Amino acid sequence: MGIFEGIEVLFFSLGVITTLAIVGMIYLSKNYRLNWKMYTVSVIGIFLGIFAIAWSVSSVLEGEPRAASMGMVVFGLPSLACLGLFRRLLLAGIKK
Protein backbone atom coordinates (compact mmCIF):
# COMPACT_ATOMS: atom_id res chain seq x y z
CA MET A 1 0.00 0.00 0.00
CA GLY A 2 1.35 3.36 -1.01
CA ILE A 3 1.03 6.62 0.81
CA PHE A 4 -1.14 8.23 -1.87
CA GLU A 5 -4.13 6.19 -2.90
CA GLY A 6 -7.65 7.06 -3.87
CA ILE A 7 -9.02 9.86 -1.73
CA GLU A 8 -5.61 11.43 -1.07
CA VAL A 9 -5.04 11.87 -4.80
CA LEU A 10 -8.54 13.31 -5.10
CA PHE A 11 -7.91 15.93 -2.43
CA PHE A 12 -4.53 16.84 -3.92
CA SER A 13 -6.11 17.20 -7.37
CA LEU A 14 -8.94 19.31 -5.98
CA GLY A 15 -6.39 21.58 -4.33
CA VAL A 16 -4.54 22.02 -7.62
CA ILE A 17 -7.78 22.72 -9.50
CA THR A 18 -8.92 25.22 -6.87
CA THR A 19 -5.57 27.00 -6.96
CA LEU A 20 -5.65 27.20 -10.76
CA ALA A 21 -9.21 28.54 -10.66
CA ILE A 22 -8.26 31.26 -8.16
CA VAL A 23 -5.18 32.24 -10.17
CA GLY A 24 -7.29 32.30 -13.33
CA MET A 25 -9.88 34.57 -11.74
CA ILE A 26 -7.14 36.92 -10.52
CA TYR A 27 -5.69 37.01 -14.04
CA LEU A 28 -9.09 37.74 -15.58
CA SER A 29 -9.91 40.44 -13.02
CA LYS A 30 -6.60 42.20 -13.75
CA ASN A 31 -6.93 42.06 -17.53
CA TYR A 32 -10.69 42.53 -18.02
CA ARG A 33 -13.42 44.59 -16.43
CA LEU A 34 -15.57 42.16 -14.50
CA ASN A 35 -18.81 43.19 -12.86
CA TRP A 36 -20.66 41.50 -10.02
CA LYS A 37 -22.70 39.31 -12.40
CA MET A 38 -19.56 37.87 -13.95
CA TYR A 39 -18.00 37.16 -10.56
CA THR A 40 -21.18 35.50 -9.30
CA VAL A 41 -21.67 33.29 -12.34
CA SER A 42 -18.01 32.30 -12.49
CA VAL A 43 -17.75 31.45 -8.78
CA ILE A 44 -20.93 29.36 -8.94
CA GLY A 45 -19.66 27.58 -12.06
CA ILE A 46 -16.24 26.88 -10.58
CA PHE A 47 -17.74 25.67 -7.28
CA LEU A 48 -20.19 23.35 -9.05
CA GLY A 49 -17.44 21.99 -11.29
CA ILE A 50 -15.14 21.20 -8.39
CA PHE A 51 -18.05 19.70 -6.46
CA ALA A 52 -19.01 17.54 -9.46
CA ILE A 53 -15.47 16.19 -9.73
CA ALA A 54 -15.29 15.49 -5.99
CA TRP A 55 -18.72 13.83 -5.97
CA SER A 56 -18.00 11.64 -8.98
CA VAL A 57 -14.54 10.48 -7.98
CA SER A 58 -15.59 9.72 -4.41
CA SER A 59 -18.64 7.83 -5.67
CA VAL A 60 -16.48 5.71 -7.98
CA LEU A 61 -14.03 5.02 -5.14
CA GLU A 62 -16.95 3.85 -2.99
CA GLY A 63 -18.20 1.57 -5.78
CA GLU A 64 -21.26 3.57 -6.83
CA PRO A 65 -20.82 4.37 -10.55
CA ARG A 66 -24.46 5.34 -11.01
CA ALA A 67 -24.17 8.02 -8.33
CA ALA A 68 -21.02 9.27 -10.06
CA SER A 69 -22.74 9.65 -13.41
CA MET A 70 -25.77 11.31 -11.85
CA GLY A 71 -23.48 13.68 -9.97
CA MET A 72 -21.90 14.73 -13.25
CA VAL A 73 -25.34 15.33 -14.74
CA VAL A 74 -26.78 17.16 -11.74
CA PHE A 75 -23.71 19.23 -10.85
CA GLY A 76 -21.51 19.12 -13.95
CA LEU A 77 -24.04 20.36 -16.51
CA PRO A 78 -25.06 23.45 -14.50
CA SER A 79 -21.35 24.13 -14.01
CA LEU A 80 -20.79 24.10 -17.75
CA ALA A 81 -23.84 26.30 -18.26
CA CYS A 82 -22.58 28.86 -15.72
CA LEU A 83 -19.08 28.88 -17.16
CA GLY A 84 -20.49 29.21 -20.67
CA LEU A 85 -22.60 32.16 -19.55
CA PHE A 86 -19.50 33.70 -17.93
CA ARG A 87 -17.58 33.33 -21.19
CA ARG A 88 -20.42 34.91 -23.10
CA LEU A 89 -20.61 37.85 -20.69
CA LEU A 90 -16.83 38.25 -20.85
CA LEU A 91 -16.82 38.31 -24.65
CA ALA A 92 -19.76 40.72 -24.74
CA GLY A 93 -17.87 43.07 -22.41
CA ILE A 94 -14.79 42.97 -24.67
CA LYS A 95 -16.73 43.90 -27.82
CA LYS A 96 -18.27 47.02 -26.26
PDB file of N, CA and C in Angstrom:
ATOM      1  N   MET A   1       0.844  -1.176   0.000  1.00  0.00           N
ATOM      2  CA  MET A   1       0.000   0.000   0.000  1.00  0.00           C
ATOM      3  C   MET A   1       0.891   1.241   0.000  1.00  0.00           C
ATOM      4  N   GLY A   2       0.585   2.129  -0.913  1.00  0.00           N
ATOM      5  CA  GLY A   2       1.349   3.359  -1.006  1.00  0.00           C
ATOM      6  C   GLY A   2       0.770   4.442  -0.109  1.00  0.00           C
ATOM      7  N   ILE A   3       1.477   5.522  -0.050  1.00  0.00           N
ATOM      8  CA  ILE A   3       1.026   6.616   0.814  1.00  0.00           C
ATOM      9  C   ILE A   3      -0.104   7.413   0.167  1.00  0.00           C
ATOM     10  N   PHE A   4      -0.096   7.471  -1.173  1.00  0.00           N
ATOM     11  CA  PHE A   4      -1.139   8.228  -1.869  1.00  0.00           C
ATOM     12  C   PHE A   4      -2.001   7.282  -2.681  1.00  0.00           C
ATOM     13  N   GLU A   5      -3.186   7.036  -2.196  1.00  0.00           N
ATOM     14  CA  GLU A   5      -4.129   6.195  -2.899  1.00  0.00           C
ATOM     15  C   GLU A   5      -5.516   6.804  -2.806  1.00  0.00           C
ATOM     16  N   GLY A   6      -6.243   6.702  -3.860  1.00  0.00           N
ATOM     17  CA  GLY A   6      -7.647   7.063  -3.869  1.00  0.00           C
ATOM     18  C   GLY A   6      -7.973   8.467  -3.416  1.00  0.00           C
ATOM     19  N   ILE A   7      -8.473   8.597  -2.218  1.00  0.00           N
ATOM     20  CA  ILE A   7      -9.016   9.858  -1.730  1.00  0.00           C
ATOM     21  C   ILE A   7      -7.931  10.909  -1.538  1.00  0.00           C
ATOM     22  N   GLU A   8      -6.698  10.467  -1.216  1.00  0.00           N
ATOM     23  CA  GLU A   8      -5.609  11.427  -1.070  1.00  0.00           C
ATOM     24  C   GLU A   8      -5.284  12.102  -2.392  1.00  0.00           C
ATOM     25  N   VAL A   9      -5.278  11.324  -3.468  1.00  0.00           N
ATOM     26  CA  VAL A   9      -5.037  11.870  -4.800  1.00  0.00           C
ATOM     27  C   VAL A   9      -6.173  12.803  -5.191  1.00  0.00           C
ATOM     28  N   LEU A  10      -7.392  12.445  -4.819  1.00  0.00           N
ATOM     29  CA  LEU A  10      -8.541  13.306  -5.098  1.00  0.00           C
ATOM     30  C   LEU A  10      -8.382  14.657  -4.423  1.00  0.00           C
ATOM     31  N   PHE A  11      -8.049  14.661  -3.145  1.00  0.00           N
ATOM     32  CA  PHE A  11      -7.913  15.933  -2.432  1.00  0.00           C
ATOM     33  C   PHE A  11      -6.750  16.757  -2.964  1.00  0.00           C
ATOM     34  N   PHE A  12      -5.653  16.115  -3.327  1.00  0.00           N
ATOM     35  CA  PHE A  12      -4.533  16.839  -3.918  1.00  0.00           C
ATOM     36  C   PHE A  12      -4.953  17.459  -5.245  1.00  0.00           C
ATOM     37  N   SER A  13      -5.650  16.693  -6.076  1.00  0.00           N
ATOM     38  CA  SER A  13      -6.110  17.204  -7.369  1.00  0.00           C
ATOM     39  C   SER A  13      -7.101  18.347  -7.206  1.00  0.00           C
ATOM     40  N   LEU A  14      -7.991  18.238  -6.231  1.00  0.00           N
ATOM     41  CA  LEU A  14      -8.941  19.315  -5.980  1.00  0.00           C
ATOM     42  C   LEU A  14      -8.230  20.580  -5.525  1.00  0.00           C
ATOM     43  N   GLY A  15      -7.176  20.427  -4.746  1.00  0.00           N
ATOM     44  CA  GLY A  15      -6.392  21.577  -4.327  1.00  0.00           C
ATOM     45  C   GLY A  15      -5.715  22.253  -5.506  1.00  0.00           C
ATOM     46  N   VAL A  16      -5.173  21.460  -6.420  1.00  0.00           N
ATOM     47  CA  VAL A  16      -4.539  22.015  -7.619  1.00  0.00           C
ATOM     48  C   VAL A  16      -5.567  22.727  -8.480  1.00  0.00           C
ATOM     49  N   ILE A  17      -6.726  22.110  -8.685  1.00  0.00           N
ATOM     50  CA  ILE A  17      -7.780  22.717  -9.503  1.00  0.00           C
ATOM     51  C   ILE A  17      -8.277  24.010  -8.865  1.00  0.00           C
ATOM     52  N   THR A  18      -8.461  24.010  -7.560  1.00  0.00           N
ATOM     53  CA  THR A  18      -8.916  25.216  -6.871  1.00  0.00           C
ATOM     54  C   THR A  18      -7.890  26.335  -6.992  1.00  0.00           C
ATOM     55  N   THR A  19      -6.623  25.996  -6.829  1.00  0.00           N
ATOM     56  CA  THR A  19      -5.568  27.004  -6.959  1.00  0.00           C
ATOM     57  C   THR A  19      -5.531  27.580  -8.368  1.00  0.00           C
ATOM     58  N   LEU A  20      -5.634  26.722  -9.376  1.00  0.00           N
ATOM     59  CA  LEU A  20      -5.646  27.198 -10.757  1.00  0.00           C
ATOM     60  C   LEU A  20      -6.867  28.075 -11.041  1.00  0.00           C
ATOM     61  N   ALA A  21      -8.008  27.725 -10.459  1.00  0.00           N
ATOM     62  CA  ALA A  21      -9.209  28.542 -10.658  1.00  0.00           C
ATOM     63  C   ALA A  21      -9.051  29.916 -10.023  1.00  0.00           C
ATOM     64  N   ILE A  22      -8.476  29.976  -8.834  1.00  0.00           N
ATOM     65  CA  ILE A  22      -8.260  31.259  -8.164  1.00  0.00           C
ATOM     66  C   ILE A  22      -7.263  32.114  -8.938  1.00  0.00           C
ATOM     67  N   VAL A  23      -6.168  31.499  -9.387  1.00  0.00           N
ATOM     68  CA  VAL A  23      -5.178  32.240 -10.172  1.00  0.00           C
ATOM     69  C   VAL A  23      -5.793  32.719 -11.482  1.00  0.00           C
ATOM     70  N   GLY A  24      -6.615  31.900 -12.098  1.00  0.00           N
ATOM     71  CA  GLY A  24      -7.293  32.296 -13.327  1.00  0.00           C
ATOM     72  C   GLY A  24      -8.244  33.465 -13.124  1.00  0.00           C
ATOM     73  N   MET A  25      -8.968  33.450 -12.020  1.00  0.00           N
ATOM     74  CA  MET A  25      -9.878  34.571 -11.740  1.00  0.00           C
ATOM     75  C   MET A  25      -9.098  35.843 -11.447  1.00  0.00           C
ATOM     76  N   ILE A  26      -7.974  35.737 -10.769  1.00  0.00           N
ATOM     77  CA  ILE A  26      -7.140  36.915 -10.516  1.00  0.00           C
ATOM     78  C   ILE A  26      -6.613  37.473 -11.833  1.00  0.00           C
ATOM     79  N   TYR A  27      -6.172  36.578 -12.721  1.00  0.00           N
ATOM     80  CA  TYR A  27      -5.688  37.010 -14.036  1.00  0.00           C
ATOM     81  C   TYR A  27      -6.792  37.722 -14.818  1.00  0.00           C
ATOM     82  N   LEU A  28      -7.987  37.127 -14.838  1.00  0.00           N
ATOM     83  CA  LEU A  28      -9.093  37.743 -15.576  1.00  0.00           C
ATOM     84  C   LEU A  28      -9.500  39.079 -14.973  1.00  0.00           C
ATOM     85  N   SER A  29      -9.491  39.178 -13.649  1.00  0.00           N
ATOM     86  CA  SER A  29      -9.910  40.437 -13.025  1.00  0.00           C
ATOM     87  C   SER A  29      -8.889  41.550 -13.265  1.00  0.00           C
ATOM     88  N   LYS A  30      -7.616  41.182 -13.472  1.00  0.00           N
ATOM     89  CA  LYS A  30      -6.603  42.204 -13.749  1.00  0.00           C
ATOM     90  C   LYS A  30      -6.617  42.639 -15.209  1.00  0.00           C
ATOM     91  N   ASN A  31      -6.998  41.754 -16.106  1.00  0.00           N
ATOM     92  CA  ASN A  31      -6.928  42.056 -17.530  1.00  0.00           C
ATOM     93  C   ASN A  31      -8.263  42.460 -18.160  1.00  0.00           C
ATOM     94  N   TYR A  32      -9.369  42.211 -17.491  1.00  0.00           N
ATOM     95  CA  TYR A  32     -10.687  42.535 -18.023  1.00  0.00           C
ATOM     96  C   TYR A  32     -11.517  43.208 -16.942  1.00  0.00           C
ATOM     97  N   ARG A  33     -12.490  43.979 -17.387  1.00  0.00           N
ATOM     98  CA  ARG A  33     -13.418  44.587 -16.426  1.00  0.00           C
ATOM     99  C   ARG A  33     -14.531  43.593 -16.130  1.00  0.00           C
ATOM    100  N   LEU A  34     -14.547  43.120 -14.915  1.00  0.00           N
ATOM    101  CA  LEU A  34     -15.574  42.163 -14.499  1.00  0.00           C
ATOM    102  C   LEU A  34     -16.539  42.859 -13.555  1.00  0.00           C
ATOM    103  N   ASN A  35     -17.829  42.644 -13.786  1.00  0.00           N
ATOM    104  CA  ASN A  35     -18.813  43.194 -12.862  1.00  0.00           C
ATOM    105  C   ASN A  35     -19.303  42.096 -11.916  1.00  0.00           C
ATOM    106  N   TRP A  36     -20.224  42.445 -11.053  1.00  0.00           N
ATOM    107  CA  TRP A  36     -20.663  41.499 -10.024  1.00  0.00           C
ATOM    108  C   TRP A  36     -21.358  40.283 -10.627  1.00  0.00           C
ATOM    109  N   LYS A  37     -22.033  40.454 -11.774  1.00  0.00           N
ATOM    110  CA  LYS A  37     -22.703  39.311 -12.402  1.00  0.00           C
ATOM    111  C   LYS A  37     -21.676  38.283 -12.879  1.00  0.00           C
ATOM    112  N   MET A  38     -20.598  38.781 -13.454  1.00  0.00           N
ATOM    113  CA  MET A  38     -19.561  37.874 -13.946  1.00  0.00           C
ATOM    114  C   MET A  38     -18.896  37.113 -12.798  1.00  0.00           C
ATOM    115  N   TYR A  39     -18.605  37.831 -11.720  1.00  0.00           N
ATOM    116  CA  TYR A  39     -18.004  37.164 -10.561  1.00  0.00           C
ATOM    117  C   TYR A  39     -18.944  36.104  -9.994  1.00  0.00           C
ATOM    118  N   THR A  40     -20.208  36.434  -9.877  1.00  0.00           N
ATOM    119  CA  THR A  40     -21.178  35.501  -9.300  1.00  0.00           C
ATOM    120  C   THR A  40     -21.310  34.251 -10.150  1.00  0.00           C
ATOM    121  N   VAL A  41     -21.491  34.431 -11.452  1.00  0.00           N
ATOM    122  CA  VAL A  41     -21.671  33.289 -12.343  1.00  0.00           C
ATOM    123  C   VAL A  41     -20.403  32.433 -12.383  1.00  0.00           C
ATOM    124  N   SER A  42     -19.242  33.077 -12.414  1.00  0.00           N
ATOM    125  CA  SER A  42     -18.005  32.298 -12.486  1.00  0.00           C
ATOM    126  C   SER A  42     -17.741  31.527 -11.198  1.00  0.00           C
ATOM    127  N   VAL A  43     -17.980  32.142 -10.053  1.00  0.00           N
ATOM    128  CA  VAL A  43     -17.750  31.449  -8.783  1.00  0.00           C
ATOM    129  C   VAL A  43     -18.711  30.271  -8.625  1.00  0.00           C
ATOM    130  N   ILE A  44     -19.965  30.462  -9.007  1.00  0.00           N
ATOM    131  CA  ILE A  44     -20.930  29.355  -8.939  1.00  0.00           C
ATOM    132  C   ILE A  44     -20.510  28.234  -9.884  1.00  0.00           C
ATOM    133  N   GLY A  45     -20.085  28.588 -11.098  1.00  0.00           N
ATOM    134  CA  GLY A  45     -19.658  27.582 -12.060  1.00  0.00           C
ATOM    135  C   GLY A  45     -18.433  26.818 -11.603  1.00  0.00           C
ATOM    136  N   ILE A  46     -17.462  27.535 -11.071  1.00  0.00           N
ATOM    137  CA  ILE A  46     -16.242  26.881 -10.579  1.00  0.00           C
ATOM    138  C   ILE A  46     -16.566  25.971  -9.394  1.00  0.00           C
ATOM    139  N   PHE A  47     -17.372  26.471  -8.448  1.00  0.00           N
ATOM    140  CA  PHE A  47     -17.738  25.669  -7.285  1.00  0.00           C
ATOM    141  C   PHE A  47     -18.472  24.399  -7.706  1.00  0.00           C
ATOM    142  N   LEU A  48     -19.443  24.532  -8.611  1.00  0.00           N
ATOM    143  CA  LEU A  48     -20.186  23.353  -9.053  1.00  0.00           C
ATOM    144  C   LEU A  48     -19.288  22.369  -9.796  1.00  0.00           C
ATOM    145  N   GLY A  49     -18.345  22.881 -10.572  1.00  0.00           N
ATOM    146  CA  GLY A  49     -17.437  21.990 -11.285  1.00  0.00           C
ATOM    147  C   GLY A  49     -16.546  21.202 -10.347  1.00  0.00           C
ATOM    148  N   ILE A  50     -15.993  21.884  -9.373  1.00  0.00           N
ATOM    149  CA  ILE A  50     -15.140  21.200  -8.393  1.00  0.00           C
ATOM    150  C   ILE A  50     -15.962  20.208  -7.579  1.00  0.00           C
ATOM    151  N   PHE A  51     -17.175  20.599  -7.215  1.00  0.00           N
ATOM    152  CA  PHE A  51     -18.047  19.699  -6.459  1.00  0.00           C
ATOM    153  C   PHE A  51     -18.419  18.475  -7.293  1.00  0.00           C
ATOM    154  N   ALA A  52     -18.668  18.670  -8.587  1.00  0.00           N
ATOM    155  CA  ALA A  52     -19.014  17.538  -9.457  1.00  0.00           C
ATOM    156  C   ALA A  52     -17.859  16.555  -9.557  1.00  0.00           C
ATOM    157  N   ILE A  53     -16.638  17.072  -9.672  1.00  0.00           N
ATOM    158  CA  ILE A  53     -15.473  16.193  -9.728  1.00  0.00           C
ATOM    159  C   ILE A  53     -15.319  15.435  -8.413  1.00  0.00           C
ATOM    160  N   ALA A  54     -15.430  16.137  -7.297  1.00  0.00           N
ATOM    161  CA  ALA A  54     -15.290  15.488  -5.992  1.00  0.00           C
ATOM    162  C   ALA A  54     -16.371  14.429  -5.783  1.00  0.00           C
ATOM    163  N   TRP A  55     -17.598  14.760  -6.132  1.00  0.00           N
ATOM    164  CA  TRP A  55     -18.716  13.827  -5.971  1.00  0.00           C
ATOM    165  C   TRP A  55     -18.495  12.572  -6.812  1.00  0.00           C
ATOM    166  N   SER A  56     -18.126  12.775  -8.071  1.00  0.00           N
ATOM    167  CA  SER A  56     -18.003  11.644  -8.976  1.00  0.00           C
ATOM    168  C   SER A  56     -16.839  10.736  -8.612  1.00  0.00           C
ATOM    169  N   VAL A  57     -15.693  11.317  -8.312  1.00  0.00           N
ATOM    170  CA  VAL A  57     -14.538  10.482  -7.977  1.00  0.00           C
ATOM    171  C   VAL A  57     -14.772   9.743  -6.663  1.00  0.00           C
ATOM    172  N   SER A  58     -15.337  10.415  -5.678  1.00  0.00           N
ATOM    173  CA  SER A  58     -15.588   9.722  -4.409  1.00  0.00           C
ATOM    174  C   SER A  58     -16.648   8.638  -4.567  1.00  0.00           C
ATOM    175  N   SER A  59     -17.626   8.862  -5.432  1.00  0.00           N
ATOM    176  CA  SER A  59     -18.639   7.826  -5.674  1.00  0.00           C
ATOM    177  C   SER A  59     -18.031   6.612  -6.357  1.00  0.00           C
ATOM    178  N   VAL A  60     -17.133   6.842  -7.312  1.00  0.00           N
ATOM    179  CA  VAL A  60     -16.476   5.714  -7.977  1.00  0.00           C
ATOM    180  C   VAL A  60     -15.593   4.959  -6.985  1.00  0.00           C
ATOM    181  N   LEU A  61     -14.883   5.685  -6.135  1.00  0.00           N
ATOM    182  CA  LEU A  61     -14.032   5.024  -5.140  1.00  0.00           C
ATOM    183  C   LEU A  61     -14.850   4.188  -4.155  1.00  0.00           C
ATOM    184  N   GLU A  62     -16.085   4.609  -3.908  1.00  0.00           N
ATOM    185  CA  GLU A  62     -16.947   3.849  -2.995  1.00  0.00           C
ATOM    186  C   GLU A  62     -17.707   2.747  -3.715  1.00  0.00           C
ATOM    187  N   GLY A  63     -17.542   2.637  -5.035  1.00  0.00           N
ATOM    188  CA  GLY A  63     -18.205   1.567  -5.778  1.00  0.00           C
ATOM    189  C   GLY A  63     -19.617   1.898  -6.208  1.00  0.00           C
ATOM    190  N   GLU A  64     -19.924   3.149  -6.401  1.00  0.00           N
ATOM    191  CA  GLU A  64     -21.259   3.574  -6.827  1.00  0.00           C
ATOM    192  C   GLU A  64     -21.163   4.345  -8.144  1.00  0.00           C
ATOM    193  N   PRO A  65     -20.985   3.653  -9.274  1.00  0.00           N
ATOM    194  CA  PRO A  65     -20.815   4.367 -10.548  1.00  0.00           C
ATOM    195  C   PRO A  65     -22.067   5.114 -11.001  1.00  0.00           C
ATOM    196  N   ARG A  66     -23.235   4.641 -10.621  1.00  0.00           N
ATOM    197  CA  ARG A  66     -24.462   5.340 -11.012  1.00  0.00           C
ATOM    198  C   ARG A  66     -24.558   6.693 -10.303  1.00  0.00           C
ATOM    199  N   ALA A  67     -24.179   6.744  -9.048  1.00  0.00           N
ATOM    200  CA  ALA A  67     -24.166   8.022  -8.328  1.00  0.00           C
ATOM    201  C   ALA A  67     -23.143   8.975  -8.939  1.00  0.00           C
ATOM    202  N   ALA A  68     -22.036   8.429  -9.427  1.00  0.00           N
ATOM    203  CA  ALA A  68     -21.020   9.268 -10.060  1.00  0.00           C
ATOM    204  C   ALA A  68     -21.557   9.892 -11.336  1.00  0.00           C
ATOM    205  N   SER A  69     -22.211   9.107 -12.158  1.00  0.00           N
ATOM    206  CA  SER A  69     -22.736   9.652 -13.407  1.00  0.00           C
ATOM    207  C   SER A  69     -23.876  10.637 -13.153  1.00  0.00           C
ATOM    208  N   MET A  70     -24.705  10.362 -12.177  1.00  0.00           N
ATOM    209  CA  MET A  70     -25.774  11.309 -11.852  1.00  0.00           C
ATOM    210  C   MET A  70     -25.212  12.593 -11.256  1.00  0.00           C
ATOM    211  N   GLY A  71     -24.129  12.487 -10.506  1.00  0.00           N
ATOM    212  CA  GLY A  71     -23.478  13.682  -9.974  1.00  0.00           C
ATOM    213  C   GLY A  71     -22.936  14.557 -11.085  1.00  0.00           C
ATOM    214  N   MET A  72     -22.389  13.940 -12.129  1.00  0.00           N
ATOM    215  CA  MET A  72     -21.900  14.730 -13.251  1.00  0.00           C
ATOM    216  C   MET A  72     -23.047  15.394 -13.995  1.00  0.00           C
ATOM    217  N   VAL A  73     -24.189  14.724 -14.071  1.00  0.00           N
ATOM    218  CA  VAL A  73     -25.339  15.330 -14.743  1.00  0.00           C
ATOM    219  C   VAL A  73     -25.925  16.456 -13.891  1.00  0.00           C
ATOM    220  N   VAL A  74     -26.109  16.202 -12.611  1.00  0.00           N
ATOM    221  CA  VAL A  74     -26.783  17.165 -11.736  1.00  0.00           C
ATOM    222  C   VAL A  74     -25.895  18.360 -11.405  1.00  0.00           C
ATOM    223  N   PHE A  75     -24.602  18.132 -11.226  1.00  0.00           N
ATOM    224  CA  PHE A  75     -23.707  19.229 -10.845  1.00  0.00           C
ATOM    225  C   PHE A  75     -22.804  19.689 -11.997  1.00  0.00           C
ATOM    226  N   GLY A  76     -22.425  18.772 -12.871  1.00  0.00           N
ATOM    227  CA  GLY A  76     -21.513  19.119 -13.954  1.00  0.00           C
ATOM    228  C   GLY A  76     -22.158  19.947 -15.053  1.00  0.00           C
ATOM    229  N   LEU A  77     -23.378  19.595 -15.446  1.00  0.00           N
ATOM    230  CA  LEU A  77     -24.044  20.359 -16.506  1.00  0.00           C
ATOM    231  C   LEU A  77     -24.362  21.797 -16.095  1.00  0.00           C
ATOM    232  N   PRO A  78     -24.890  22.051 -14.901  1.00  0.00           N
ATOM    233  CA  PRO A  78     -25.058  23.455 -14.501  1.00  0.00           C
ATOM    234  C   PRO A  78     -23.735  24.204 -14.405  1.00  0.00           C
ATOM    235  N   SER A  79     -22.662  23.506 -14.038  1.00  0.00           N
ATOM    236  CA  SER A  79     -21.347  24.132 -14.006  1.00  0.00           C
ATOM    237  C   SER A  79     -20.941  24.590 -15.398  1.00  0.00           C
ATOM    238  N   LEU A  80     -21.119  23.723 -16.378  1.00  0.00           N
ATOM    239  CA  LEU A  80     -20.788  24.096 -17.752  1.00  0.00           C
ATOM    240  C   LEU A  80     -21.668  25.229 -18.251  1.00  0.00           C
ATOM    241  N   ALA A  81     -22.935  25.220 -17.856  1.00  0.00           N
ATOM    242  CA  ALA A  81     -23.837  26.304 -18.258  1.00  0.00           C
ATOM    243  C   ALA A  81     -23.398  27.632 -17.653  1.00  0.00           C
ATOM    244  N   CYS A  82     -23.035  27.627 -16.376  1.00  0.00           N
ATOM    245  CA  CYS A  82     -22.583  28.861 -15.724  1.00  0.00           C
ATOM    246  C   CYS A  82     -21.281  29.361 -16.323  1.00  0.00           C
ATOM    247  N   LEU A  83     -20.344  28.465 -16.574  1.00  0.00           N
ATOM    248  CA  LEU A  83     -19.075  28.884 -17.157  1.00  0.00           C
ATOM    249  C   LEU A  83     -19.251  29.341 -18.605  1.00  0.00           C
ATOM    250  N   GLY A  84     -20.175  28.734 -19.326  1.00  0.00           N
ATOM    251  CA  GLY A  84     -20.493  29.211 -20.674  1.00  0.00           C
ATOM    252  C   GLY A  84     -21.114  30.597 -20.655  1.00  0.00           C
ATOM    253  N   LEU A  85     -22.000  30.832 -19.697  1.00  0.00           N
ATOM    254  CA  LEU A  85     -22.595  32.162 -19.545  1.00  0.00           C
ATOM    255  C   LEU A  85     -21.538  33.183 -19.162  1.00  0.00           C
ATOM    256  N   PHE A  86     -20.596  32.803 -18.299  1.00  0.00           N
ATOM    257  CA  PHE A  86     -19.497  33.701 -17.929  1.00  0.00           C
ATOM    258  C   PHE A  86     -18.662  34.056 -19.153  1.00  0.00           C
ATOM    259  N   ARG A  87     -18.359  33.074 -19.975  1.00  0.00           N
ATOM    260  CA  ARG A  87     -17.575  33.330 -21.192  1.00  0.00           C
ATOM    261  C   ARG A  87     -18.326  34.273 -22.114  1.00  0.00           C
ATOM    262  N   ARG A  88     -19.608  34.048 -22.238  1.00  0.00           N
ATOM    263  CA  ARG A  88     -20.417  34.909 -23.097  1.00  0.00           C
ATOM    264  C   ARG A  88     -20.455  36.345 -22.570  1.00  0.00           C
ATOM    265  N   LEU A  89     -20.633  36.509 -21.272  1.00  0.00           N
ATOM    266  CA  LEU A  89     -20.606  37.851 -20.689  1.00  0.00           C
ATOM    267  C   LEU A  89     -19.241  38.511 -20.834  1.00  0.00           C
ATOM    268  N   LEU A  90     -18.190  37.722 -20.711  1.00  0.00           N
ATOM    269  CA  LEU A  90     -16.833  38.253 -20.853  1.00  0.00           C
ATOM    270  C   LEU A  90     -16.588  38.730 -22.280  1.00  0.00           C
ATOM    271  N   LEU A  91     -17.007  37.922 -23.256  1.00  0.00           N
ATOM    272  CA  LEU A  91     -16.818  38.315 -24.655  1.00  0.00           C
ATOM    273  C   LEU A  91     -17.706  39.492 -25.041  1.00  0.00           C
ATOM    274  N   ALA A  92     -18.881  39.569 -24.467  1.00  0.00           N
ATOM    275  CA  ALA A  92     -19.755  40.721 -24.740  1.00  0.00           C
ATOM    276  C   ALA A  92     -19.166  42.012 -24.168  1.00  0.00           C
ATOM    277  N   GLY A  93     -18.510  41.901 -23.020  1.00  0.00           N
ATOM    278  CA  GLY A  93     -17.871  43.072 -22.409  1.00  0.00           C
ATOM    279  C   GLY A  93     -16.662  43.541 -23.197  1.00  0.00           C
ATOM    280  N   ILE A  94     -15.975  42.616 -23.874  1.00  0.00           N
ATOM    281  CA  ILE A  94     -14.791  42.975 -24.667  1.00  0.00           C
ATOM    282  C   ILE A  94     -15.209  43.726 -25.918  1.00  0.00           C
ATOM    283  N   LYS A  95     -16.298  43.317 -26.546  1.00  0.00           N
ATOM    284  CA  LYS A  95     -16.728  43.902 -27.820  1.00  0.00           C
ATOM    285  C   LYS A  95     -17.233  45.336 -27.661  1.00  0.00           C
ATOM    286  N   LYS A  96     -17.696  45.684 -26.458  1.00  0.00           N
ATOM    287  CA  LYS A  96     -18.275  47.015 -26.265  1.00  0.00           C
ATOM    288  C   LYS A  96     -17.249  48.091 -26.250  1.00  0.00           C
TER     289      LYS A  96
END
